[in-house]
Amino acid sequence: MAHMPADSGAPLPREALARIVESKLRAEIAAASGQLNPGTTVRRLPSGPWPETLAIADDAPAPTLGSDSLERMWLAGALGEMFDLEDQAGALLHAPAFGDWLDIVARDWRGERVTFLTSGSSGRPKPCEHRMEDLATEVDALADAFAGRTRILTAVPAHHIYGFLFTALLPARLGVPVAAFAAPAPGDLVVSYPDHWAFVARTHRAFASDVAGVTSTAPCPPELKADLAALGLAALTEVYGSSETAGLGLRRHPDPAYTLMPHWSLGPADPEGNPTVVHRSGRVVALMDRLEPVTDRTFTLAGRRDGAVQVGGQNVHPARIAEHLRTHPLVADAAVRLMRPDEGTRLKAFLVLAPGTDEAEAREALTAWIAGAFSAPERPVALTFGAALPVGAMGKAADW
């Protein structure tokens, strides 16, 4: 199959499409491996960026992804869903190389819709369909907000909506190159998330002049924003949004409130009292976060309505995790919470063991079970044991 040139009329430049498809295939292979055999190590995949000659099938000469017929069907279905390929996704099953898969996506994706999946942590991933026309409207606003940037450095997956917007659509709109995160240079825009920004803050002595950053997927702690500013980061912009809505608002440190993007407005509460936002098309969306309006165009956040917290940029539900921990025969009761900033960025659990259980043996057994029973963001990495769940003077659940 002859490879299409970059100017073939596809909705995205080929280089951007390749980055998205590679990211999607890597994620789907990892997800499939985890679902089929939880707790196992995913096989080593070729380092990126993948060459277009990379073979797909497990019976092809190296280098190859090593995908058998069932996995190829899984991967083809994932790309078909994401790029609205409908029946054309079947052609992927017989295409031998990565470049051939890119050809099919570039040829058959009409560029009208694209579908992203929620993280699926503590639940089945939910498909969220977006019109490319709406995403282009958002990118117009982002292009205004980040005008003058000369390169984008990325630390986020390109197949998630955040990465799709900032590492595919935005650089195409600005006409700037994209590279994996490395030492930032003047004019760069670093696209990342709070856990990675914390790593950067601990490993960098100072930023070069005129380096800007953007962060999303979870609230960025105020002390981290202050640390990055002290290291010379010229600006840090937080993006608030979700897989369902794409971007809703922006705020730039040290502003306390988010400003709605031009195509969104604050709406009335729904019948259950949940906050809503209204798209310029008239679509009304109920949010999982509590919004507190400051003006008719600005707002602050007051926590999740569903009790979820974010670990590694993914929503996880401590109550659901505690409920699953209670299903283990060694556990009589459990509580799970997010670590405080001084403790780390993961989950921790307080466990009441079944009567007669040896604590040392239980710790070893439960640590091994947790590794296989939960995804990495869901795993409590610190276990505390006690005779009863901690409560305060008023009988309410207490910290530990």
Protein backbone atom coordinates (compact mmCIF):
# COMPACT_ATOMS: atom_id res chain seq x y z
CA MET A 1 0.00 0.00 0.00
CA ALA A 2 1.50 3.32 -1.01
CA HIS A 3 1.88 5.73 1.88
CA MET A 4 -0.01 9.01 1.59
CA PRO A 5 1.98 12.24 1.68
CA ALA A 6 1.50 14.71 4.51
CA ASP A 7 -0.64 16.97 2.33
CA SER A 8 -3.09 14.21 1.31
CA GLY A 9 -6.10 16.09 2.65
CA ALA A 10 -6.38 14.10 5.88
CA PRO A 11 -7.83 16.09 8.83
CA LEU A 12 -4.43 16.09 10.57
CA PRO A 13 -0.82 16.15 9.38
CA ARG A 14 0.53 12.63 9.04
CA GLU A 15 3.13 13.19 11.75
CA ALA A 16 0.39 14.13 14.22
CA LEU A 17 -1.81 11.24 13.13
CA ALA A 18 1.09 8.82 13.60
CA ARG A 19 1.68 10.11 17.13
CA ILE A 20 -2.00 9.66 18.02
CA VAL A 21 -2.32 6.18 16.50
CA GLU A 22 0.89 4.96 18.15
CA SER A 23 -0.27 6.31 21.51
CA LYS A 24 -3.69 4.67 21.08
CA LEU A 25 -2.24 1.28 20.11
CA ARG A 26 0.20 1.31 23.04
CA ALA A 27 -2.64 2.07 25.45
CA GLU A 28 -4.95 -0.55 23.99
CA ILE A 29 -2.28 -3.26 24.12
CA ALA A 30 -1.64 -2.40 27.77
CA ALA A 31 -5.37 -2.38 28.54
CA ALA A 32 -5.99 -5.68 26.78
CA SER A 33 -3.10 -7.33 28.62
CA GLY A 34 -4.39 -6.04 31.95
CA GLN A 35 -7.92 -7.24 31.31
CA LEU A 36 -6.86 -10.68 30.17
CA ASN A 37 -4.31 -11.28 32.91
CA PRO A 38 -4.39 -8.68 35.72
CA GLY A 39 -1.12 -8.03 37.50
CA THR A 40 1.08 -9.31 34.69
CA THR A 41 3.78 -7.30 32.97
CA VAL A 42 2.86 -6.00 29.53
CA ARG A 43 5.28 -7.18 26.85
CA ARG A 44 7.97 -4.77 25.72
CA LEU A 45 6.91 -2.76 22.69
CA PRO A 46 9.26 -1.05 20.21
CA SER A 47 10.45 2.37 21.30
CA GLY A 48 8.90 5.33 19.53
CA PRO A 49 8.33 7.02 17.31
CA TRP A 50 7.40 3.87 15.39
CA PRO A 51 8.69 3.59 11.81
CA GLU A 52 6.01 3.14 9.18
CA THR A 53 7.65 -0.17 8.22
CA LEU A 54 6.98 -1.64 11.69
CA ALA A 55 5.09 -4.90 11.19
CA ILE A 56 1.89 -5.58 13.14
CA ALA A 57 1.47 -9.38 13.17
CA ASP A 58 3.20 -11.78 15.53
CA ASP A 59 4.28 -14.01 12.60
CA ALA A 60 5.99 -11.16 10.73
CA PRO A 61 9.78 -10.69 10.74
CA ALA A 62 11.15 -8.29 13.36
CA PRO A 63 10.68 -5.49 14.10
CA THR A 64 7.01 -6.15 14.86
CA LEU A 65 4.34 -5.31 17.41
CA GLY A 66 3.82 -9.04 17.82
CA SER A 67 0.02 -8.86 17.75
CA ASP A 68 -1.86 -12.10 17.16
CA SER A 69 -5.12 -12.23 15.23
CA LEU A 70 -7.32 -11.57 18.28
CA GLU A 71 -5.24 -8.61 19.40
CA ARG A 72 -5.26 -7.16 15.87
CA MET A 73 -9.05 -7.36 15.95
CA TRP A 74 -9.07 -5.55 19.32
CA LEU A 75 -6.73 -2.83 18.03
CA ALA A 76 -8.64 -2.39 14.78
CA GLY A 77 -11.87 -2.00 16.74
CA ALA A 78 -10.28 0.62 18.98
CA LEU A 79 -9.11 2.71 16.02
CA GLY A 80 -12.42 2.21 14.25
CA GLU A 81 -14.25 3.57 17.29
CA MET A 82 -11.90 6.51 17.75
CA PHE A 83 -11.84 7.65 14.13
CA ASP A 84 -15.40 6.74 13.10
CA LEU A 85 -14.18 4.23 10.51
CA GLU A 86 -17.32 2.07 10.61
CA ASP A 87 -16.93 -0.97 8.29
CA GLN A 88 -13.60 0.29 6.94
CA ALA A 89 -11.94 -0.77 10.19
CA GLY A 90 -11.95 -4.32 8.83
CA ALA A 91 -9.26 -3.32 6.34
CA LEU A 92 -6.86 -2.86 9.26
CA LEU A 93 -6.96 -6.60 9.98
CA HIS A 94 -5.17 -7.32 6.71
CA ALA A 95 -2.81 -4.33 6.63
CA PRO A 96 0.72 -5.56 7.40
CA ALA A 97 2.57 -2.50 8.68
CA PHE A 98 2.06 0.54 10.90
CA GLY A 99 2.28 2.85 7.88
CA ASP A 100 -0.50 0.89 6.21
CA TRP A 101 -2.71 1.40 9.27
CA LEU A 102 -2.00 5.13 9.05
CA ASP A 103 -2.98 5.07 5.38
CA ILE A 104 -6.35 3.54 6.22
CA VAL A 105 -7.10 6.01 9.01
CA ALA A 106 -6.01 8.97 6.87
CA ARG A 107 -8.09 7.72 3.92
CA ASP A 108 -11.29 6.71 5.70
CA TRP A 109 -11.54 9.10 8.64
CA ARG A 110 -13.82 11.84 7.40
CA GLY A 111 -12.64 14.26 10.05
CA GLU A 112 -16.16 14.94 11.28
CA ARG A 113 -16.07 13.15 14.63
CA VAL A 114 -13.54 11.64 17.00
CA THR A 115 -14.22 9.51 20.09
CA PHE A 116 -12.18 9.48 23.29
CA LEU A 117 -12.50 7.14 26.25
CA THR A 118 -12.69 8.14 29.87
CA SER A 119 -9.93 6.67 32.02
CA GLY A 120 -12.18 3.79 33.13
CA SER A 121 -10.52 3.67 36.54
CA SER A 122 -12.96 1.98 38.95
CA GLY A 123 -15.37 1.47 36.11
CA ARG A 124 -15.76 0.67 32.41
CA PRO A 125 -14.29 3.32 30.10
CA LYS A 126 -17.02 5.45 28.55
CA PRO A 127 -16.81 6.63 24.92
CA CYS A 128 -17.14 10.40 24.50
CA GLU A 129 -17.78 11.56 20.94
CA HIS A 130 -16.79 15.05 19.80
CA ARG A 131 -17.36 16.92 16.59
CA MET A 132 -14.09 18.10 15.10
CA GLU A 133 -15.81 21.39 14.39
CA ASP A 134 -16.26 21.94 18.14
CA LEU A 135 -12.65 20.97 18.88
CA ALA A 136 -11.47 23.39 16.20
CA THR A 137 -13.39 26.16 17.97
CA GLU A 138 -11.56 25.35 21.19
CA VAL A 139 -8.20 25.28 19.42
CA ASP A 140 -8.89 28.75 18.02
CA ALA A 141 -9.17 29.97 21.63
CA LEU A 142 -6.06 28.03 22.66
CA ALA A 143 -4.11 29.47 19.74
CA ASP A 144 -4.91 32.95 21.03
CA ALA A 145 -3.90 31.98 24.58
CA PHE A 146 -0.58 30.45 23.48
CA ALA A 147 0.34 32.68 20.55
CA GLY A 148 4.07 33.11 20.15
CA ARG A 149 5.09 29.63 21.31
CA THR A 150 7.68 28.16 18.92
CA ARG A 151 7.67 24.50 19.98
CA ILE A 152 5.51 22.16 22.06
CA LEU A 153 7.12 19.65 24.43
CA THR A 154 4.73 16.91 25.50
CA ALA A 155 4.59 14.59 28.49
CA VAL A 156 0.99 13.45 27.86
CA PRO A 157 -0.54 10.65 25.73
CA ALA A 158 -1.61 11.94 22.33
CA HIS A 159 -4.75 9.76 22.15
CA HIS A 160 -6.41 11.33 25.21
CA ILE A 161 -8.44 14.45 24.54
CA TYR A 162 -5.92 16.67 26.36
CA GLY A 163 -3.05 15.35 24.26
CA PHE A 164 -5.13 15.40 21.09
CA LEU A 165 -5.90 19.08 21.53
CA PHE A 166 -2.48 20.26 22.71
CA THR A 167 -0.10 17.96 20.82
CA ALA A 168 -1.99 17.49 17.54
CA LEU A 169 -4.57 20.20 16.83
CA LEU A 170 -2.83 23.12 18.55
CA PRO A 171 0.63 22.66 16.98
CA ALA A 172 -1.02 22.20 13.57
CA ARG A 173 -2.92 25.44 14.15
CA LEU A 174 0.21 27.33 15.33
CA GLY A 175 2.48 25.72 12.76
CA VAL A 176 5.04 24.62 15.36
CA PRO A 177 6.86 21.29 15.88
CA VAL A 178 6.18 18.80 18.67
CA ALA A 179 8.76 16.83 20.63
CA ALA A 180 8.84 14.58 23.66
CA PHE A 181 9.62 16.37 26.91
CA ALA A 182 13.28 17.28 27.30
CA ALA A 183 15.19 20.32 28.53
CA PRO A 184 12.90 23.25 27.60
CA ALA A 185 14.29 26.08 25.50
CA PRO A 186 13.08 29.69 25.16
CA GLY A 187 9.73 29.82 23.39
CA ASP A 188 8.68 26.30 24.37
CA LEU A 189 5.26 25.33 25.70
CA VAL A 190 5.46 22.32 28.00
CA VAL A 191 2.26 20.24 28.06
CA SER A 192 2.12 18.13 31.19
CA TYR A 193 0.14 17.16 34.31
CA PRO A 194 0.67 17.76 38.06
CA ASP A 195 2.58 14.57 38.92
CA HIS A 196 5.01 15.19 36.07
CA TRP A 197 5.31 18.87 36.96
CA ALA A 198 6.26 17.78 40.50
CA PHE A 199 9.00 15.60 38.99
CA VAL A 200 10.20 18.55 36.89
CA ALA A 201 10.25 20.84 39.93
CA ARG A 202 12.47 18.37 41.82
CA THR A 203 14.90 17.67 38.96
CA HIS A 204 15.38 21.11 37.36
CA ARG A 205 17.55 23.85 38.82
CA ALA A 206 15.98 26.56 36.67
CA PHE A 207 14.01 27.06 33.47
CA ALA A 208 15.37 28.86 30.46
CA SER A 209 13.80 32.24 29.80
CA ASP A 210 10.36 32.44 28.18
CA VAL A 211 9.29 28.84 28.84
CA ALA A 212 5.56 28.46 29.43
CA GLY A 213 3.64 25.49 30.77
CA VAL A 214 0.17 24.04 30.70
CA THR A 215 -1.29 21.49 33.10
CA SER A 216 -4.50 19.51 33.25
CA THR A 217 -6.12 16.19 34.32
CA ALA A 218 -6.01 17.12 38.04
CA PRO A 219 -5.82 20.23 40.23
CA CYS A 220 -2.28 21.57 40.48
CA PRO A 221 -1.32 22.18 44.13
CA PRO A 222 -0.64 25.86 44.92
CA GLU A 223 2.75 25.06 46.43
CA LEU A 224 3.80 23.29 43.22
CA LYS A 225 2.77 26.28 41.12
CA ALA A 226 4.80 28.51 43.41
CA ASP A 227 7.83 26.19 43.11
CA LEU A 228 7.66 26.26 39.31
CA ALA A 229 7.40 30.05 39.29
CA ALA A 230 10.42 30.25 41.59
CA LEU A 231 12.37 28.11 39.11
CA GLY A 232 11.64 30.68 36.41
CA LEU A 233 8.68 29.17 34.54
CA ALA A 234 7.32 32.20 32.72
CA ALA A 235 3.65 31.17 32.91
CA LEU A 236 1.60 28.16 33.97
CA THR A 237 -1.91 27.75 32.59
CA GLU A 238 -4.34 25.24 34.10
CA VAL A 239 -7.00 23.74 31.84
CA TYR A 240 -10.25 22.56 33.41
CA GLY A 241 -12.31 20.09 31.40
CA SER A 242 -13.05 16.42 30.88
CA SER A 243 -13.30 13.71 28.24
CA GLU A 244 -17.00 14.54 27.98
CA THR A 245 -16.66 18.29 27.52
CA ALA A 246 -13.10 18.92 26.27
CA GLY A 247 -11.78 22.20 27.70
CA LEU A 248 -14.14 24.38 29.71
CA GLY A 249 -11.96 26.99 31.36
CA LEU A 250 -8.43 28.32 31.74
CA ARG A 251 -6.62 30.03 34.58
CA ARG A 252 -3.09 31.34 34.67
CA HIS A 253 -1.09 31.33 37.88
CA PRO A 254 -1.61 33.17 40.22
CA ASP A 255 -5.25 33.80 39.21
CA PRO A 256 -7.60 32.05 41.69
CA ALA A 257 -10.51 31.58 39.26
CA TYR A 258 -10.95 29.88 35.91
CA THR A 259 -12.29 31.84 32.95
CA LEU A 260 -14.74 30.03 30.72
CA MET A 261 -13.62 29.40 27.17
CA PRO A 262 -15.56 31.54 24.66
CA HIS A 263 -17.89 28.75 23.48
CA TRP A 264 -19.12 27.85 27.01
CA SER A 265 -21.34 29.67 29.51
CA LEU A 266 -22.48 28.85 33.03
CA GLY A 267 -25.92 27.26 33.16
CA PRO A 268 -28.58 26.72 35.82
CA ALA A 269 -28.45 23.77 38.18
CA ASP A 270 -30.16 20.63 36.92
CA PRO A 271 -33.21 19.15 38.76
CA GLU A 272 -30.89 17.36 41.23
CA GLY A 273 -28.99 20.55 41.97
CA ASN A 274 -25.93 19.63 39.92
CA PRO A 275 -24.01 22.48 38.26
CA THR A 276 -24.29 22.74 34.46
CA VAL A 277 -22.53 24.49 31.63
CA VAL A 278 -24.02 25.36 28.25
CA HIS A 279 -22.22 24.98 24.92
CA ARG A 280 -22.84 27.61 22.27
CA SER A 281 -24.68 24.92 20.30
CA GLY A 282 -27.24 24.79 23.13
CA ARG A 283 -25.98 21.50 24.59
CA VAL A 284 -26.30 21.46 28.38
CA VAL A 285 -23.78 19.38 30.36
CA ALA A 286 -24.05 18.41 34.03
CA LEU A 287 -20.63 18.38 35.71
CA MET A 288 -19.13 16.00 38.25
CA ASP A 289 -17.40 18.91 39.98
CA ARG A 290 -19.03 21.57 42.12
CA LEU A 291 -18.57 24.95 40.47
CA GLU A 292 -18.82 28.19 42.41
CA PRO A 293 -19.40 31.17 40.08
CA VAL A 294 -17.32 34.30 40.75
CA THR A 295 -18.71 36.29 37.82
CA ASP A 296 -20.83 35.24 34.85
CA ARG A 297 -17.61 34.11 33.08
CA THR A 298 -15.38 32.95 35.95
CA PHE A 299 -15.60 30.21 38.55
CA THR A 300 -13.70 28.22 41.15
CA LEU A 301 -13.94 24.51 41.94
CA ALA A 302 -15.30 23.13 45.20
CA GLY A 303 -14.55 19.41 44.87
CA ARG A 304 -16.06 16.38 43.19
CA ARG A 305 -19.69 15.42 43.68
CA ASP A 306 -18.99 11.69 43.34
CA GLY A 307 -16.13 11.44 45.86
CA ALA A 308 -13.52 10.75 43.18
CA VAL A 309 -9.93 11.90 43.58
CA GLN A 310 -7.21 12.01 40.96
CA VAL A 311 -4.07 9.91 40.97
CA GLY A 312 -1.68 10.14 38.05
CA GLY A 313 -4.23 12.15 36.12
CA GLN A 314 -6.97 9.52 36.49
CA ASN A 315 -10.16 9.65 38.53
CA VAL A 316 -10.28 6.96 41.19
CA HIS A 317 -12.96 6.34 43.80
CA PRO A 318 -11.61 5.59 47.30
CA ALA A 319 -14.99 4.35 48.55
CA ARG A 320 -15.23 1.78 45.74
CA ILE A 321 -11.64 0.67 46.35
CA ALA A 322 -12.36 0.24 50.07
CA GLU A 323 -15.44 -1.80 49.18
CA HIS A 324 -13.36 -4.12 47.01
CA LEU A 325 -10.71 -4.45 49.72
CA ARG A 326 -13.45 -5.73 52.07
CA THR A 327 -14.07 -8.65 49.73
CA HIS A 328 -10.69 -10.16 50.64
CA PRO A 329 -11.04 -12.86 53.32
CA LEU A 330 -8.24 -11.32 55.42
CA VAL A 331 -9.98 -7.92 55.60
CA ALA A 332 -12.83 -7.19 58.02
CA ASP A 333 -13.09 -3.48 57.25
CA ALA A 334 -11.25 -0.86 55.19
CA ALA A 335 -10.95 2.86 54.54
CA VAL A 336 -9.04 4.48 51.69
CA ARG A 337 -7.97 8.06 51.13
CA LEU A 338 -5.64 10.17 49.05
CA MET A 339 -2.32 10.97 50.67
CA ARG A 340 -1.73 14.46 51.97
CA PRO A 341 0.83 16.49 49.99
CA ASP A 342 3.48 15.81 52.63
CA GLU A 343 2.88 12.05 52.30
CA GLY A 344 2.93 11.66 48.53
CA THR A 345 0.50 11.55 45.62
CA ARG A 346 -0.96 8.02 45.87
CA LEU A 347 -3.69 6.27 47.86
CA LYS A 348 -3.30 4.79 51.33
CA ALA A 349 -5.52 2.32 53.15
CA PHE A 350 -6.40 1.60 56.78
CA LEU A 351 -7.30 -2.07 57.20
CA VAL A 352 -8.99 -3.98 60.01
CA LEU A 353 -7.91 -7.58 59.68
CA ALA A 354 -10.10 -10.61 60.22
CA PRO A 355 -9.79 -12.07 63.75
CA GLY A 356 -6.71 -14.21 64.28
CA THR A 357 -4.84 -12.87 61.24
CA ASP A 358 -1.10 -12.35 61.55
CA GLU A 359 -0.30 -8.78 60.51
CA ALA A 360 3.06 -9.52 58.86
CA GLU A 361 1.64 -12.37 56.79
CA ALA A 362 -1.42 -10.28 55.92
CA ARG A 363 0.71 -7.37 54.72
CA GLU A 364 2.64 -9.62 52.35
CA ALA A 365 -0.48 -11.38 51.06
CA LEU A 366 -2.52 -8.20 50.66
CA THR A 367 0.28 -6.30 48.94
CA ALA A 368 0.53 -9.05 46.32
CA TRP A 369 -3.26 -9.21 45.91
CA ILE A 370 -3.63 -5.45 45.57
CA ALA A 371 -1.00 -5.42 42.80
CA GLY A 372 -3.20 -7.71 40.70
CA ALA A 373 -6.65 -6.51 41.76
CA PHE A 374 -6.27 -2.80 40.98
CA SER A 375 -4.81 -0.60 38.28
CA ALA A 376 -1.74 1.41 39.27
CA PRO A 377 -3.65 4.62 40.13
CA GLU A 378 -6.15 2.66 42.24
CA ARG A 379 -3.60 0.75 44.33
CA PRO A 380 -3.16 1.82 47.95
CA VAL A 381 0.62 1.87 48.32
CA ALA A 382 0.69 2.47 52.09
CA LEU A 383 -1.17 0.05 54.38
CA THR A 384 -1.98 0.81 58.01
CA PHE A 385 -3.51 -1.84 60.30
CA GLY A 386 -5.60 -1.39 63.41
CA ALA A 387 -8.32 -2.96 65.55
CA ALA A 388 -10.98 -0.54 64.24
CA LEU A 389 -11.29 2.24 61.69
CA PRO A 390 -10.16 5.55 63.22
CA VAL A 391 -12.93 7.90 64.37
CA GLY A 392 -12.88 11.34 65.98
CA ALA A 393 -14.50 12.61 69.17
CA MET A 394 -17.86 13.00 67.42
CA GLY A 395 -17.79 9.44 66.11
CA LYS A 396 -17.11 10.47 62.52
CA ALA A 397 -14.40 8.92 60.36
CA ALA A 398 -11.02 10.40 61.22
CA ASP A 399 -7.75 10.76 59.37
CA TRP A 400 -4.80 8.46 60.00
